[in-house]
Amino acid sequence: MKFSEIEREQWEELQPYLDTCLLPLTGMDGSEQPYEATEWLEKLRDLMDMIEIPFKGRVVTYPACHYTSGDRQFADMVVRLCESLKASGFKYVIAVTTRQELVFDTEAIDMWLAPNADLSLPAQTEVSGAVRSMWSGQAT
């Protein structure tokens, strides 16, 4: 479910069920040509679909963080954002990116979803299993 689909009047009723935030991190730096930006966003969409579609009704997708300079400031901003999302009521935050170099360790993010080392997308069964393991408190 997209953040924009939730009406103010619905949120209090839905919040107990929508406990997971999906945060897209595009990781573009502004030097991309239009066709490259399209390719990154299409791959990001494909990754997000692996969670959004099968887990609709439990996951809220927030707006994407599109641009980064690749430095520590971006990671710090993402951590603060995830901490704020949790403080606002989300129990879990899943960060999704198409760029492996953006993945970093932090307790603020419960799960990262990114392409495999060879840039292929992970299998749907692998992603679904990881999400279910996260929800059940098992390490992934």
Protein backbone atom coordinates (compact mmCIF):
# COMPACT_ATOMS: atom_id res chain seq x y z
CA MET A 1 0.00 0.00 0.00
CA LYS A 2 1.36 3.41 -0.94
CA PHE A 3 1.47 6.13 1.70
CA SER A 4 -0.79 8.26 -0.51
CA GLU A 5 -3.57 5.65 -0.41
CA ILE A 6 -4.10 6.08 3.33
CA GLU A 7 -6.62 8.71 4.38
CA ARG A 8 -6.23 10.54 7.68
CA GLU A 9 -9.47 9.01 8.97
CA GLN A 10 -8.28 5.46 8.15
CA TRP A 11 -4.82 5.59 9.69
CA GLU A 12 -5.73 4.92 13.32
CA GLU A 13 -7.75 1.86 12.30
CA LEU A 14 -5.16 0.54 9.84
CA GLN A 15 -1.97 1.26 11.80
CA PRO A 16 -1.99 -1.96 13.87
CA TYR A 17 -1.98 -4.00 10.64
CA LEU A 18 0.41 -1.82 8.64
CA ASP A 19 3.47 -2.33 10.81
CA THR A 20 6.14 -2.41 8.10
CA CYS A 21 7.52 0.53 6.14
CA LEU A 22 9.15 -0.02 2.75
CA LEU A 23 11.69 2.73 2.04
CA PRO A 24 13.06 2.94 -1.52
CA LEU A 25 16.60 4.32 -1.88
CA THR A 26 17.39 5.01 -5.52
CA GLY A 27 20.93 6.26 -4.97
CA MET A 28 21.27 8.39 -8.07
CA ASP A 29 23.83 11.21 -8.02
CA GLY A 30 22.39 13.42 -10.76
CA SER A 31 24.89 12.41 -13.43
CA GLU A 32 22.57 9.77 -14.90
CA GLN A 33 21.20 10.16 -18.40
CA PRO A 34 17.38 9.97 -18.62
CA TYR A 35 17.49 6.38 -19.91
CA GLU A 36 19.83 5.38 -17.06
CA ALA A 37 17.51 6.91 -14.46
CA THR A 38 14.64 4.99 -16.06
CA GLU A 39 16.61 1.72 -15.86
CA TRP A 40 17.43 2.29 -12.15
CA LEU A 41 13.83 3.12 -11.32
CA GLU A 42 12.48 0.12 -13.23
CA LYS A 43 14.81 -2.22 -11.37
CA LEU A 44 13.85 -0.58 -8.07
CA ARG A 45 10.17 -1.08 -8.96
CA ASP A 46 10.80 -4.75 -9.70
CA LEU A 47 12.46 -5.21 -6.29
CA MET A 48 9.69 -3.37 -4.48
CA ASP A 49 7.03 -5.48 -6.21
CA MET A 50 8.53 -8.52 -4.48
CA ILE A 51 7.31 -7.09 -1.17
CA GLU A 52 4.48 -4.73 -2.08
CA ILE A 53 2.38 -7.24 -4.01
CA PRO A 54 2.48 -10.34 -1.79
CA PHE A 55 2.37 -8.39 1.48
CA LYS A 56 -0.18 -5.71 0.62
CA GLY A 57 -2.14 -4.98 3.74
CA ARG A 58 0.87 -5.08 6.04
CA VAL A 59 3.41 -2.88 4.25
CA VAL A 60 3.30 0.87 3.56
CA THR A 61 5.60 2.18 0.85
CA TYR A 62 7.03 5.63 1.59
CA PRO A 63 8.42 8.12 -0.95
CA ALA A 64 11.83 7.28 -2.36
CA CYS A 65 15.08 8.97 -1.44
CA HIS A 66 16.42 9.48 -4.94
CA TYR A 67 19.72 11.34 -4.69
CA THR A 68 22.93 10.77 -2.78
CA SER A 69 26.48 11.98 -2.93
CA GLY A 70 27.53 8.52 -1.75
CA ASP A 71 28.98 9.83 1.47
CA ARG A 72 28.36 9.25 5.15
CA GLN A 73 25.82 12.08 5.28
CA PHE A 74 23.41 10.01 3.18
CA ALA A 75 23.73 7.03 5.52
CA ASP A 76 23.20 9.29 8.54
CA MET A 77 20.10 10.81 6.92
CA VAL A 78 18.70 7.35 6.15
CA VAL A 79 19.28 6.21 9.74
CA ARG A 80 17.53 9.31 11.13
CA LEU A 81 14.65 8.80 8.71
CA CYS A 82 14.25 5.13 9.68
CA GLU A 83 14.41 5.99 13.38
CA SER A 84 11.67 8.59 12.82
CA LEU A 85 9.54 6.07 10.94
CA LYS A 86 9.83 3.65 13.84
CA ALA A 87 9.06 6.39 16.36
CA SER A 88 5.91 7.17 14.37
CA GLY A 89 4.66 3.62 14.85
CA PHE A 90 6.26 1.32 12.30
CA LYS A 91 7.73 -1.78 13.90
CA TYR A 92 9.84 -2.73 10.87
CA VAL A 93 11.64 -0.79 8.14
CA ILE A 94 12.74 -2.50 4.94
CA ALA A 95 15.16 -0.47 2.80
CA VAL A 96 15.14 -1.27 -0.92
CA THR A 97 17.90 -0.22 -3.28
CA THR A 98 19.34 -1.24 -6.62
CA ARG A 99 22.82 -0.18 -5.53
CA GLN A 100 24.77 -2.58 -3.33
CA GLU A 101 27.16 0.20 -2.29
CA LEU A 102 24.31 1.91 -0.41
CA VAL A 103 23.74 -1.08 1.89
CA PHE A 104 25.20 -0.55 5.36
CA ASP A 105 24.76 -1.99 8.85
CA THR A 106 22.40 -0.21 11.20
CA GLU A 107 19.82 -1.28 13.75
CA ALA A 108 17.42 1.29 12.28
CA ILE A 109 16.86 -0.92 9.21
CA ASP A 110 15.41 -4.35 9.85
CA MET A 111 16.01 -5.70 6.35
CA TRP A 112 17.77 -4.63 3.17
CA LEU A 113 16.53 -5.70 -0.25
CA ALA A 114 19.06 -5.26 -3.05
CA PRO A 115 20.15 -7.12 -6.18
CA ASN A 116 22.55 -10.03 -5.85
CA ALA A 117 26.29 -9.49 -6.36
CA ASP A 118 25.86 -10.24 -10.10
CA LEU A 119 23.10 -7.55 -10.21
CA SER A 120 20.37 -10.13 -10.77
CA LEU A 121 17.23 -9.86 -8.69
CA PRO A 122 16.82 -12.27 -5.80
CA ALA A 123 14.21 -15.00 -6.14
CA GLN A 124 10.70 -14.14 -4.98
CA THR A 125 10.72 -17.12 -2.59
CA GLU A 126 13.97 -15.87 -1.02
CA VAL A 127 12.53 -12.38 -0.48
CA SER A 128 9.22 -13.69 0.91
CA GLY A 129 11.09 -16.01 3.27
CA ALA A 130 13.32 -13.19 4.50
CA VAL A 131 10.31 -10.94 5.21
CA ARG A 132 8.50 -13.70 7.08
CA SER A 133 11.65 -14.49 9.08
CA MET A 134 11.99 -10.82 10.00
CA TRP A 135 8.38 -10.71 11.17
CA SER A 136 8.79 -13.88 13.21
CA GLY A 137 11.97 -12.57 14.86
CA GLN A 138 14.32 -15.03 13.20
CA ALA A 139 17.66 -13.86 11.87
CA THR A 140 17.95 -13.65 8.10
